[in-house]
Amino acid sequence: FKCVSTLNSPEEIPSSFFEDLK
């Protein structure tokens, strides 16, 4: 699970990634 990577570089994570977390 790329939790740390998301916090370090949110711009590299697509919006769909956050939608899957919901």
Protein backbone atom coordinates (compact mmCIF):
# COMPACT_ATOMS: atom_id res chain seq x y z
CA PHE A 1 0.00 0.00 0.00
CA LYS A 2 1.55 3.29 -1.12
CA CYS A 3 0.48 5.46 1.79
CA VAL A 4 3.82 7.19 2.36
CA SER A 5 4.35 7.80 -1.35
CA THR A 6 0.94 9.45 -1.55
CA LEU A 7 1.78 11.87 1.25
CA ASN A 8 5.21 12.65 -0.17
CA SER A 9 4.06 13.25 -3.74
CA PRO A 10 0.26 13.52 -4.05
CA GLU A 11 0.63 14.99 -7.52
CA GLU A 12 1.96 11.67 -8.78
CA ILE A 13 -1.12 9.85 -7.50
CA PRO A 14 -4.23 9.93 -9.75
CA SER A 15 -7.51 11.15 -8.28
CA SER A 16 -8.97 7.68 -8.92
CA PHE A 17 -6.59 6.31 -6.30
CA PHE A 18 -8.23 8.37 -3.56
CA GLU A 19 -11.69 7.44 -4.80
CA ASP A 20 -10.82 3.77 -4.31
CA LEU A 21 -9.95 4.46 -0.68
CA LYS A 22 -13.52 5.59 0.03
